[in-house]
Amino acid sequence: MQEAFDLSSVRQTLRKYLDYRWTLEQLDHPSLGWDKCERDWRKHKLNLQSTHRMHRNLLRNESDTDIL
């Protein structure tokens, strides 16, 4: 199965928005819409295996993030 988005193009778009709209620290936190979708999906009857994905900033390397 193919990925829906090419990660390199998503990262390029995020870098473009860093120039005039967002900061890197803002991208570290999920948006309000992401939080709402996560809450709704966790309660949904089709979520049998807890298949949600955790939010992550695609512009940071895995070594840059601290998981507590």
PDB file of N, CA and C in Angstrom:
ATOM      1  N   MET A   1       0.837  -1.169   0.000  1.00  0.00           N
ATOM      2  CA  MET A   1       0.000   0.000   0.000  1.00  0.00           C
ATOM      3  C   MET A   1       0.891   1.244   0.000  1.00  0.00           C
ATOM      4  N   GLN A   2       0.552   2.213  -0.812  1.00  0.00           N
ATOM      5  CA  GLN A   2       1.342   3.432  -0.904  1.00  0.00           C
ATOM      6  C   GLN A   2       0.921   4.433   0.161  1.00  0.00           C
ATOM      7  N   GLU A   3       1.872   5.247   0.564  1.00  0.00           N
ATOM      8  CA  GLU A   3       1.596   6.316   1.516  1.00  0.00           C
ATOM      9  C   GLU A   3       0.713   7.378   0.848  1.00  0.00           C
ATOM     10  N   ALA A   4      -0.111   8.029   1.643  1.00  0.00           N
ATOM     11  CA  ALA A   4      -0.997   9.059   1.098  1.00  0.00           C
ATOM     12  C   ALA A   4      -0.225  10.312   0.715  1.00  0.00           C
ATOM     13  N   PHE A   5       0.845  10.614   1.479  1.00  0.00           N
ATOM     14  CA  PHE A   5       1.638  11.812   1.232  1.00  0.00           C
ATOM     15  C   PHE A   5       3.111  11.447   1.204  1.00  0.00           C
ATOM     16  N   ASP A   6       3.846  12.139   0.384  1.00  0.00           N
ATOM     17  CA  ASP A   6       5.290  12.001   0.365  1.00  0.00           C
ATOM     18  C   ASP A   6       5.853  12.866   1.489  1.00  0.00           C
ATOM     19  N   LEU A   7       6.583  12.259   2.426  1.00  0.00           N
ATOM     20  CA  LEU A   7       7.061  13.001   3.594  1.00  0.00           C
ATOM     21  C   LEU A   7       7.981  14.156   3.220  1.00  0.00           C
ATOM     22  N   SER A   8       8.750  14.011   2.180  1.00  0.00           N
ATOM     23  CA  SER A   8       9.645  15.103   1.799  1.00  0.00           C
ATOM     24  C   SER A   8       8.859  16.330   1.336  1.00  0.00           C
ATOM     25  N   SER A   9       7.762  16.131   0.621  1.00  0.00           N
ATOM     26  CA  SER A   9       6.961  17.278   0.185  1.00  0.00           C
ATOM     27  C   SER A   9       6.212  17.909   1.361  1.00  0.00           C
ATOM     28  N   VAL A  10       5.796  17.100   2.326  1.00  0.00           N
ATOM     29  CA  VAL A  10       5.143  17.647   3.518  1.00  0.00           C
ATOM     30  C   VAL A  10       6.137  18.477   4.319  1.00  0.00           C
ATOM     31  N   ARG A  11       7.349  17.977   4.481  1.00  0.00           N
ATOM     32  CA  ARG A  11       8.381  18.735   5.206  1.00  0.00           C
ATOM     33  C   ARG A  11       8.721  20.036   4.484  1.00  0.00           C
ATOM     34  N   GLN A  12       8.781  19.985   3.184  1.00  0.00           N
ATOM     35  CA  GLN A  12       9.077  21.189   2.404  1.00  0.00           C
ATOM     36  C   GLN A  12       7.980  22.238   2.594  1.00  0.00           C
ATOM     37  N   THR A  13       6.731  21.808   2.606  1.00  0.00           N
ATOM     38  CA  THR A  13       5.615  22.731   2.823  1.00  0.00           C
ATOM     39  C   THR A  13       5.665  23.331   4.224  1.00  0.00           C
ATOM     40  N   LEU A  14       5.984  22.521   5.223  1.00  0.00           N
ATOM     41  CA  LEU A  14       6.085  23.033   6.589  1.00  0.00           C
ATOM     42  C   LEU A  14       7.216  24.049   6.709  1.00  0.00           C
ATOM     43  N   ARG A  15       8.342  23.791   6.062  1.00  0.00           N
ATOM     44  CA  ARG A  15       9.457  24.748   6.098  1.00  0.00           C
ATOM     45  C   ARG A  15       9.063  26.081   5.460  1.00  0.00           C
ATOM     46  N   LYS A  16       8.271  26.007   4.395  1.00  0.00           N
ATOM     47  CA  LYS A  16       7.808  27.230   3.731  1.00  0.00           C
ATOM     48  C   LYS A  16       6.945  28.060   4.687  1.00  0.00           C
ATOM     49  N   TYR A  17       6.074  27.393   5.451  1.00  0.00           N
ATOM     50  CA  TYR A  17       5.215  28.112   6.391  1.00  0.00           C
ATOM     51  C   TYR A  17       5.986  28.644   7.588  1.00  0.00           C
ATOM     52  N   LEU A  18       7.137  28.065   7.902  1.00  0.00           N
ATOM     53  CA  LEU A  18       7.954  28.589   9.000  1.00  0.00           C
ATOM     54  C   LEU A  18       8.460  29.982   8.707  1.00  0.00           C
ATOM     55  N   ASP A  19       8.592  30.320   7.429  1.00  0.00           N
ATOM     56  CA  ASP A  19       9.115  31.630   7.058  1.00  0.00           C
ATOM     57  C   ASP A  19       8.184  32.776   7.445  1.00  0.00           C
ATOM     58  N   TYR A  20       6.872  32.540   7.419  1.00  0.00           N
ATOM     59  CA  TYR A  20       5.983  33.682   7.659  1.00  0.00           C
ATOM     60  C   TYR A  20       4.741  33.385   8.483  1.00  0.00           C
ATOM     61  N   ARG A  21       4.553  32.170   8.939  1.00  0.00           N
ATOM     62  CA  ARG A  21       3.304  31.895   9.631  1.00  0.00           C
ATOM     63  C   ARG A  21       3.488  31.217  10.986  1.00  0.00           C
ATOM     64  N   TRP A  22       4.257  30.156  11.044  1.00  0.00           N
ATOM     65  CA  TRP A  22       4.383  29.355  12.255  1.00  0.00           C
ATOM     66  C   TRP A  22       5.803  29.400  12.769  1.00  0.00           C
ATOM     67  N   THR A  23       5.963  28.948  14.026  1.00  0.00           N
ATOM     68  CA  THR A  23       7.291  28.736  14.581  1.00  0.00           C
ATOM     69  C   THR A  23       7.488  27.234  14.769  1.00  0.00           C
ATOM     70  N   LEU A  24       8.724  26.831  14.902  1.00  0.00           N
ATOM     71  CA  LEU A  24       9.026  25.416  15.090  1.00  0.00           C
ATOM     72  C   LEU A  24       8.412  24.897  16.387  1.00  0.00           C
ATOM     73  N   GLU A  25       8.365  25.747  17.403  1.00  0.00           N
ATOM     74  CA  GLU A  25       7.788  25.345  18.688  1.00  0.00           C
ATOM     75  C   GLU A  25       6.274  25.141  18.579  1.00  0.00           C
ATOM     76  N   GLN A  26       5.613  25.919  17.728  1.00  0.00           N
ATOM     77  CA  GLN A  26       4.170  25.733  17.534  1.00  0.00           C
ATOM     78  C   GLN A  26       3.881  24.377  16.899  1.00  0.00           C
ATOM     79  N   LEU A  27       4.773  23.915  16.051  1.00  0.00           N
ATOM     80  CA  LEU A  27       4.560  22.626  15.395  1.00  0.00           C
ATOM     81  C   LEU A  27       4.824  21.449  16.324  1.00  0.00           C
ATOM     82  N   ASP A  28       5.434  21.710  17.486  1.00  0.00           N
ATOM     83  CA  ASP A  28       5.671  20.647  18.461  1.00  0.00           C
ATOM     84  C   ASP A  28       4.388  20.195  19.148  1.00  0.00           C
ATOM     85  N   HIS A  29       3.375  21.042  19.121  1.00  0.00           N
ATOM     86  CA  HIS A  29       2.120  20.739  19.811  1.00  0.00           C
ATOM     87  C   HIS A  29       1.015  20.498  18.789  1.00  0.00           C
ATOM     88  N   PRO A  30       0.140  19.528  19.047  1.00  0.00           N
ATOM     89  CA  PRO A  30      -0.956  19.274  18.098  1.00  0.00           C
ATOM     90  C   PRO A  30      -1.960  20.416  18.078  1.00  0.00           C
ATOM     91  N   SER A  31      -2.608  20.567  16.945  1.00  0.00           N
ATOM     92  CA  SER A  31      -3.640  21.599  16.826  1.00  0.00           C
ATOM     93  C   SER A  31      -4.888  21.172  17.584  1.00  0.00           C
ATOM     94  N   LEU A  32      -5.794  22.115  17.787  1.00  0.00           N
ATOM     95  CA  LEU A  32      -7.049  21.792  18.470  1.00  0.00           C
ATOM     96  C   LEU A  32      -7.862  20.780  17.673  1.00  0.00           C
ATOM     97  N   GLY A  33      -7.799  20.890  16.344  1.00  0.00           N
ATOM     98  CA  GLY A  33      -8.511  19.932  15.499  1.00  0.00           C
ATOM     99  C   GLY A  33      -7.963  18.523  15.626  1.00  0.00           C
ATOM    100  N   TRP A  34      -6.641  18.411  15.741  1.00  0.00           N
ATOM    101  CA  TRP A  34      -6.008  17.092  15.914  1.00  0.00           C
ATOM    102  C   TRP A  34      -6.456  16.477  17.239  1.00  0.00           C
ATOM    103  N   ASP A  35      -6.450  17.277  18.302  1.00  0.00           N
ATOM    104  CA  ASP A  35      -6.877  16.777  19.609  1.00  0.00           C
ATOM    105  C   ASP A  35      -8.319  16.296  19.582  1.00  0.00           C
ATOM    106  N   LYS A  36      -9.193  17.051  18.926  1.00  0.00           N
ATOM    107  CA  LYS A  36     -10.600  16.659  18.857  1.00  0.00           C
ATOM    108  C   LYS A  36     -10.772  15.354  18.078  1.00  0.00           C
ATOM    109  N   CYS A  37     -10.074  15.236  16.960  1.00  0.00           N
ATOM    110  CA  CYS A  37     -10.154  14.007  16.173  1.00  0.00           C
ATOM    111  C   CYS A  37      -9.630  12.808  16.961  1.00  0.00           C
ATOM    112  N   GLU A  38      -8.563  13.005  17.712  1.00  0.00           N
ATOM    113  CA  GLU A  38      -8.003  11.927  18.532  1.00  0.00           C
ATOM    114  C   GLU A  38      -9.006  11.472  19.593  1.00  0.00           C
ATOM    115  N   ARG A  39      -9.628  12.421  20.275  1.00  0.00           N
ATOM    116  CA  ARG A  39     -10.611  12.065  21.306  1.00  0.00           C
ATOM    117  C   ARG A  39     -11.786  11.318  20.690  1.00  0.00           C
ATOM    118  N   ASP A  40     -12.280  11.811  19.549  1.00  0.00           N
ATOM    119  CA  ASP A  40     -13.417  11.158  18.902  1.00  0.00           C
ATOM    120  C   ASP A  40     -13.049   9.757  18.419  1.00  0.00           C
ATOM    121  N   TRP A  41     -11.841   9.593  17.861  1.00  0.00           N
ATOM    122  CA  TRP A  41     -11.447   8.291  17.332  1.00  0.00           C
ATOM    123  C   TRP A  41     -11.233   7.272  18.448  1.00  0.00           C
ATOM    124  N   ARG A  42     -10.727   7.715  19.584  1.00  0.00           N
ATOM    125  CA  ARG A  42     -10.517   6.786  20.703  1.00  0.00           C
ATOM    126  C   ARG A  42     -11.832   6.221  21.214  1.00  0.00           C
ATOM    127  N   LYS A  43     -12.908   7.000  21.096  1.00  0.00           N
ATOM    128  CA  LYS A  43     -14.222   6.543  21.564  1.00  0.00           C
ATOM    129  C   LYS A  43     -15.031   5.827  20.479  1.00  0.00           C
ATOM    130  N   HIS A  44     -14.559   5.853  19.234  1.00  0.00           N
ATOM    131  CA  HIS A  44     -15.331   5.317  18.114  1.00  0.00           C
ATOM    132  C   HIS A  44     -15.400   3.798  18.173  1.00  0.00           C
ATOM    133  N   LYS A  45     -16.540   3.251  17.783  1.00  0.00           N
ATOM    134  CA  LYS A  45     -16.736   1.802  17.873  1.00  0.00           C
ATOM    135  C   LYS A  45     -15.889   1.016  16.865  1.00  0.00           C
ATOM    136  N   LEU A  46     -15.413   1.652  15.809  1.00  0.00           N
ATOM    137  CA  LEU A  46     -14.566   0.953  14.843  1.00  0.00           C
ATOM    138  C   LEU A  46     -13.092   0.942  15.244  1.00  0.00           C
ATOM    139  N   ASN A  47     -12.748   1.657  16.285  1.00  0.00           N
ATOM    140  CA  ASN A  47     -11.366   1.688  16.769  1.00  0.00           C
ATOM    141  C   ASN A  47     -11.137   0.470  17.661  1.00  0.00           C
ATOM    142  N   LEU A  48     -10.950  -0.669  17.054  1.00  0.00           N
ATOM    143  CA  LEU A  48     -10.824  -1.913  17.801  1.00  0.00           C
ATOM    144  C   LEU A  48      -9.405  -2.152  18.315  1.00  0.00           C
ATOM    145  N   GLN A  49      -8.413  -1.639  17.615  1.00  0.00           N
ATOM    146  CA  GLN A  49      -7.030  -1.931  17.972  1.00  0.00           C
ATOM    147  C   GLN A  49      -6.257  -0.683  18.390  1.00  0.00           C
ATOM    148  N   SER A  50      -6.934   0.374  18.727  1.00  0.00           N
ATOM    149  CA  SER A  50      -6.286   1.638  19.094  1.00  0.00           C
ATOM    150  C   SER A  50      -5.258   2.035  18.036  1.00  0.00           C
ATOM    151  N   THR A  51      -5.744   2.286  16.836  1.00  0.00           N
ATOM    152  CA  THR A  51      -4.872   2.522  15.688  1.00  0.00           C
ATOM    153  C   THR A  51      -4.555   3.993  15.454  1.00  0.00           C
ATOM    154  N   HIS A  52      -4.700   4.838  16.452  1.00  0.00           N
ATOM    155  CA  HIS A  52      -4.393   6.259  16.258  1.00  0.00           C
ATOM    156  C   HIS A  52      -2.876   6.458  16.259  1.00  0.00           C
ATOM    157  N   ARG A  53      -2.449   7.549  15.638  1.00  0.00           N
ATOM    158  CA  ARG A  53      -1.033   7.904  15.605  1.00  0.00           C
ATOM    159  C   ARG A  53      -0.781   9.073  16.528  1.00  0.00           C
ATOM    160  N   MET A  54       0.332   9.035  17.199  1.00  0.00           N
ATOM    161  CA  MET A  54       0.716  10.134  18.065  1.00  0.00           C
ATOM    162  C   MET A  54       1.188  11.309  17.208  1.00  0.00           C
ATOM    163  N   HIS A  55       0.949  12.514  17.704  1.00  0.00           N
ATOM    164  CA  HIS A  55       1.398  13.717  17.011  1.00  0.00           C
ATOM    165  C   HIS A  55       2.912  13.812  17.097  1.00  0.00           C
ATOM    166  N   ARG A  56       3.545  14.228  16.004  1.00  0.00           N
ATOM    167  CA  ARG A  56       4.979  14.509  16.042  1.00  0.00           C
ATOM    168  C   ARG A  56       5.282  15.611  15.042  1.00  0.00           C
ATOM    169  N   ASN A  57       6.300  16.368  15.356  1.00  0.00           N
ATOM    170  CA  ASN A  57       6.741  17.450  14.495  1.00  0.00           C
ATOM    171  C   ASN A  57       7.641  16.839  13.423  1.00  0.00           C
ATOM    172  N   LEU A  58       7.236  16.899  12.181  1.00  0.00           N
ATOM    173  CA  LEU A  58       7.983  16.274  11.095  1.00  0.00           C
ATOM    174  C   LEU A  58       9.273  17.006  10.762  1.00  0.00           C
ATOM    175  N   LEU A  59       9.428  18.224  11.261  1.00  0.00           N
ATOM    176  CA  LEU A  59      10.657  18.964  10.992  1.00  0.00           C
ATOM    177  C   LEU A  59      11.756  18.681  12.012  1.00  0.00           C
ATOM    178  N   ARG A  60      11.437  17.964  13.055  1.00  0.00           N
ATOM    179  CA  ARG A  60      12.440  17.586  14.049  1.00  0.00           C
ATOM    180  C   ARG A  60      12.875  16.145  13.800  1.00  0.00           C
ATOM    181  N   ASN A  61      14.139  15.878  14.056  1.00  0.00           N
ATOM    182  CA  ASN A  61      14.643  14.514  13.968  1.00  0.00           C
ATOM    183  C   ASN A  61      14.150  13.713  15.158  1.00  0.00           C
ATOM    184  N   GLU A  62      14.170  12.404  15.030  1.00  0.00           N
ATOM    185  CA  GLU A  62      13.756  11.560  16.147  1.00  0.00           C
ATOM    186  C   GLU A  62      14.645  11.790  17.367  1.00  0.00           C
ATOM    187  N   SER A  63      15.925  12.081  17.151  1.00  0.00           N
ATOM    188  CA  SER A  63      16.838  12.309  18.268  1.00  0.00           C
ATOM    189  C   SER A  63      16.584  13.644  18.963  1.00  0.00           C
ATOM    190  N   ASP A  64      15.870  14.565  18.308  1.00  0.00           N
ATOM    191  CA  ASP A  64      15.586  15.882  18.891  1.00  0.00           C
ATOM    192  C   ASP A  64      14.430  15.850  19.882  1.00  0.00           C
ATOM    193  N   THR A  65      13.618  14.821  19.833  1.00  0.00           N
ATOM    194  CA  THR A  65      12.424  14.785  20.683  1.00  0.00           C
ATOM    195  C   THR A  65      12.706  13.997  21.947  1.00  0.00           C
ATOM    196  N   ASP A  66      12.202  14.498  23.055  1.00  0.00           N
ATOM    197  CA  ASP A  66      12.324  13.806  24.336  1.00  0.00           C
ATOM    198  C   ASP A  66      10.979  13.213  24.681  1.00  0.00           C
ATOM    199  N   ILE A  67      10.945  11.927  24.870  1.00  0.00           N
ATOM    200  CA  ILE A  67       9.696  11.262  25.264  1.00  0.00           C
ATOM    201  C   ILE A  67       9.786  10.972  26.758  1.00  0.00           C
ATOM    202  N   LEU A  68       8.884  11.560  27.512  1.00  0.00           N
ATOM    203  CA  LEU A  68       8.900  11.383  28.976  1.00  0.00           C
ATOM    204  C   LEU A  68       7.964  10.297  29.379  1.00  0.00           C
TER     205      LEU A  68
END
